[in-house]
N, C-alpha and C. Protein backbone atom coordinates (compact mmCIF):
# COMPACT_ATOMS: atom_id res chain seq x y z
N MET A 1 0.85 -1.16 0.00
CA MET A 1 0.00 0.00 0.00
C MET A 1 0.89 1.22 0.00
N LEU A 2 0.69 2.07 -0.94
CA LEU A 2 1.50 3.27 -1.04
C LEU A 2 0.72 4.47 -0.53
N VAL A 3 1.40 5.31 0.20
CA VAL A 3 0.79 6.53 0.73
C VAL A 3 1.64 7.70 0.25
N PHE A 4 0.99 8.72 -0.20
CA PHE A 4 1.69 9.90 -0.69
C PHE A 4 1.50 11.04 0.31
N TYR A 5 2.60 11.67 0.67
CA TYR A 5 2.56 12.82 1.57
C TYR A 5 3.00 14.06 0.81
N ARG A 6 2.36 15.17 1.09
CA ARG A 6 2.77 16.44 0.50
C ARG A 6 3.45 17.23 1.62
N PHE A 7 4.75 17.43 1.47
CA PHE A 7 5.54 18.10 2.50
C PHE A 7 6.35 19.19 1.84
N GLN A 8 6.06 20.41 2.17
CA GLN A 8 6.72 21.59 1.62
C GLN A 8 6.77 21.53 0.09
N GLN A 9 5.61 21.30 -0.52
CA GLN A 9 5.43 21.27 -1.97
C GLN A 9 6.22 20.15 -2.65
N LYS A 10 6.62 19.12 -1.90
CA LYS A 10 7.25 17.94 -2.48
C LYS A 10 6.37 16.74 -2.21
N LEU A 11 6.27 15.87 -3.17
CA LEU A 11 5.46 14.68 -3.02
C LEU A 11 6.37 13.52 -2.59
N ILE A 12 6.06 12.96 -1.43
CA ILE A 12 6.87 11.87 -0.87
C ILE A 12 6.05 10.59 -0.93
N LYS A 13 6.65 9.53 -1.47
CA LYS A 13 5.98 8.25 -1.59
C LYS A 13 6.53 7.31 -0.53
N ARG A 14 5.62 6.70 0.27
CA ARG A 14 6.03 5.76 1.32
C ARG A 14 5.32 4.43 1.12
N ASP A 15 6.02 3.34 1.39
CA ASP A 15 5.45 2.00 1.33
C ASP A 15 5.15 1.57 2.76
N LEU A 16 3.88 1.21 3.05
CA LEU A 16 3.48 0.87 4.41
C LEU A 16 3.61 -0.61 4.74
N CYS A 17 4.02 -1.44 3.80
CA CYS A 17 4.14 -2.87 4.08
C CYS A 17 5.34 -3.14 4.97
N ILE A 18 5.19 -4.15 5.81
CA ILE A 18 6.24 -4.49 6.77
C ILE A 18 7.35 -5.25 6.06
N ASN A 19 8.61 -4.81 6.26
CA ASN A 19 9.79 -5.52 5.76
C ASN A 19 9.65 -5.87 4.29
N ARG A 20 9.46 -4.87 3.47
CA ARG A 20 9.24 -5.15 2.05
C ARG A 20 10.06 -4.21 1.18
N SER A 21 10.74 -4.78 0.22
CA SER A 21 11.37 -3.99 -0.82
C SER A 21 10.83 -4.50 -2.15
N ASN A 22 11.39 -4.07 -3.25
CA ASN A 22 10.84 -4.44 -4.55
C ASN A 22 10.94 -5.93 -4.85
N HIS A 23 11.90 -6.63 -4.25
CA HIS A 23 12.10 -8.04 -4.56
C HIS A 23 11.64 -8.98 -3.45
N GLN A 24 11.05 -8.45 -2.39
CA GLN A 24 10.63 -9.28 -1.26
C GLN A 24 9.12 -9.29 -1.14
N LYS A 25 8.62 -10.38 -0.59
CA LYS A 25 7.22 -10.44 -0.22
C LYS A 25 7.10 -9.89 1.20
N PRO A 26 5.92 -9.44 1.61
CA PRO A 26 5.76 -8.98 2.98
C PRO A 26 6.04 -10.11 3.97
N THR A 27 6.39 -9.74 5.19
CA THR A 27 6.71 -10.72 6.23
C THR A 27 5.55 -11.66 6.48
N PHE A 28 4.32 -11.17 6.41
CA PHE A 28 3.15 -11.97 6.74
C PHE A 28 2.64 -12.78 5.55
N HIS A 29 3.31 -12.74 4.40
CA HIS A 29 2.83 -13.44 3.21
C HIS A 29 2.78 -14.96 3.37
N PRO A 30 3.79 -15.63 3.97
CA PRO A 30 3.71 -17.09 4.12
C PRO A 30 2.51 -17.54 4.96
N LEU A 31 2.12 -16.74 5.91
CA LEU A 31 0.95 -17.08 6.72
C LEU A 31 -0.30 -17.11 5.84
N GLY A 32 -0.44 -16.16 4.93
CA GLY A 32 -1.57 -16.14 4.01
C GLY A 32 -1.55 -17.31 3.05
N ASP A 33 -0.33 -17.72 2.63
CA ASP A 33 -0.22 -18.89 1.75
C ASP A 33 -0.73 -20.14 2.44
N PHE A 34 -0.57 -20.21 3.75
CA PHE A 34 -1.04 -21.37 4.50
C PHE A 34 -2.53 -21.27 4.80
N LEU A 35 -3.00 -20.10 5.20
CA LEU A 35 -4.38 -19.96 5.67
C LEU A 35 -5.40 -20.02 4.55
N ASN A 36 -5.12 -19.46 3.39
CA ASN A 36 -6.12 -19.44 2.32
C ASN A 36 -6.60 -20.83 1.92
N PRO A 37 -5.71 -21.79 1.64
CA PRO A 37 -6.21 -23.14 1.30
C PRO A 37 -6.89 -23.82 2.49
N ALA A 38 -6.38 -23.58 3.69
CA ALA A 38 -6.98 -24.21 4.87
C ALA A 38 -8.40 -23.70 5.08
N LEU A 39 -8.61 -22.41 4.92
CA LEU A 39 -9.95 -21.84 5.09
C LEU A 39 -10.88 -22.31 3.97
N ALA A 40 -10.35 -22.45 2.77
CA ALA A 40 -11.18 -22.94 1.66
C ALA A 40 -11.63 -24.37 1.92
N LEU A 41 -10.72 -25.21 2.42
CA LEU A 41 -11.08 -26.59 2.73
C LEU A 41 -12.08 -26.64 3.88
N LEU A 42 -11.92 -25.77 4.85
CA LEU A 42 -12.86 -25.72 5.97
C LEU A 42 -14.25 -25.35 5.48
N GLY A 43 -14.34 -24.39 4.57
CA GLY A 43 -15.63 -24.00 4.02
C GLY A 43 -16.29 -25.12 3.26
N GLN A 44 -15.51 -25.88 2.50
CA GLN A 44 -16.06 -27.01 1.76
C GLN A 44 -16.54 -28.09 2.73
N GLY A 45 -15.79 -28.29 3.81
CA GLY A 45 -16.18 -29.28 4.80
C GLY A 45 -17.47 -28.91 5.49
N LEU A 46 -17.67 -27.63 5.76
CA LEU A 46 -18.90 -27.19 6.43
C LEU A 46 -20.12 -27.36 5.52
N LYS A 47 -19.93 -27.17 4.22
CA LYS A 47 -21.06 -27.35 3.30
C LYS A 47 -21.51 -28.80 3.25
N LYS A 48 -20.55 -29.73 3.40
CA LYS A 48 -20.86 -31.15 3.30
C LYS A 48 -21.28 -31.76 4.63
N SER A 49 -21.07 -31.05 5.73
CA SER A 49 -21.36 -31.62 7.04
C SER A 49 -22.87 -31.63 7.30
N PRO A 50 -23.35 -32.53 8.16
CA PRO A 50 -24.77 -32.57 8.49
C PRO A 50 -25.25 -31.28 9.16
N ILE A 51 -24.38 -30.63 9.90
CA ILE A 51 -24.77 -29.37 10.56
C ILE A 51 -25.04 -28.31 9.50
N GLY A 52 -24.18 -28.24 8.49
CA GLY A 52 -24.38 -27.27 7.41
C GLY A 52 -25.65 -27.54 6.63
N GLN A 53 -26.02 -28.80 6.50
CA GLN A 53 -27.24 -29.14 5.77
C GLN A 53 -28.48 -28.81 6.59
N LYS A 54 -28.39 -28.92 7.91
CA LYS A 54 -29.54 -28.60 8.76
C LYS A 54 -29.85 -27.11 8.75
N LEU A 55 -28.86 -26.30 8.44
CA LEU A 55 -29.08 -24.85 8.43
C LEU A 55 -29.91 -24.42 7.23
N GLY A 56 -30.18 -25.29 6.29
CA GLY A 56 -30.95 -24.96 5.12
C GLY A 56 -32.43 -24.78 5.39
N PHE A 57 -32.90 -25.07 6.61
CA PHE A 57 -34.33 -24.96 6.90
C PHE A 57 -34.82 -23.52 6.83
N ALA A 58 -33.95 -22.56 7.03
CA ALA A 58 -34.36 -21.17 7.06
C ALA A 58 -34.60 -20.60 5.67
N ASN A 59 -34.37 -21.38 4.63
CA ASN A 59 -34.53 -20.88 3.27
C ASN A 59 -35.90 -21.18 2.68
N HIS A 60 -36.82 -21.75 3.45
CA HIS A 60 -38.13 -22.07 2.92
C HIS A 60 -38.98 -20.81 2.75
N PRO A 61 -39.69 -20.68 1.64
CA PRO A 61 -40.44 -19.45 1.35
C PRO A 61 -41.56 -19.17 2.35
N TYR A 62 -42.13 -20.22 2.97
CA TYR A 62 -43.24 -19.96 3.89
C TYR A 62 -42.80 -19.20 5.13
N LEU A 63 -41.52 -19.18 5.42
CA LEU A 63 -41.04 -18.42 6.58
C LEU A 63 -41.09 -16.92 6.32
N TYR A 64 -41.09 -16.53 5.06
CA TYR A 64 -41.09 -15.11 4.71
C TYR A 64 -42.50 -14.54 4.57
N LYS A 65 -43.51 -15.38 4.51
CA LYS A 65 -44.88 -14.90 4.34
C LYS A 65 -45.48 -14.54 5.69
N GLY A 66 -46.40 -13.61 5.68
CA GLY A 66 -47.10 -13.25 6.92
C GLY A 66 -48.12 -14.30 7.28
N PHE A 67 -48.51 -14.35 8.53
CA PHE A 67 -49.49 -15.35 8.99
C PHE A 67 -50.89 -14.99 8.59
């Protein structure tokens, strides 16, 4: 994320990422590489679980109609 500051009529560009230069990934990047697939698998597991299937009862149209 780049932030631009105007200081005495000069435009200063700053990079807010932690420990990052042009050839490096941010320090927290490996954590994201691990978590994204794990969270995707968790979401797929919840859709297939019996608990996830029981939550489908709230989608029936008669629940939205007035009495």
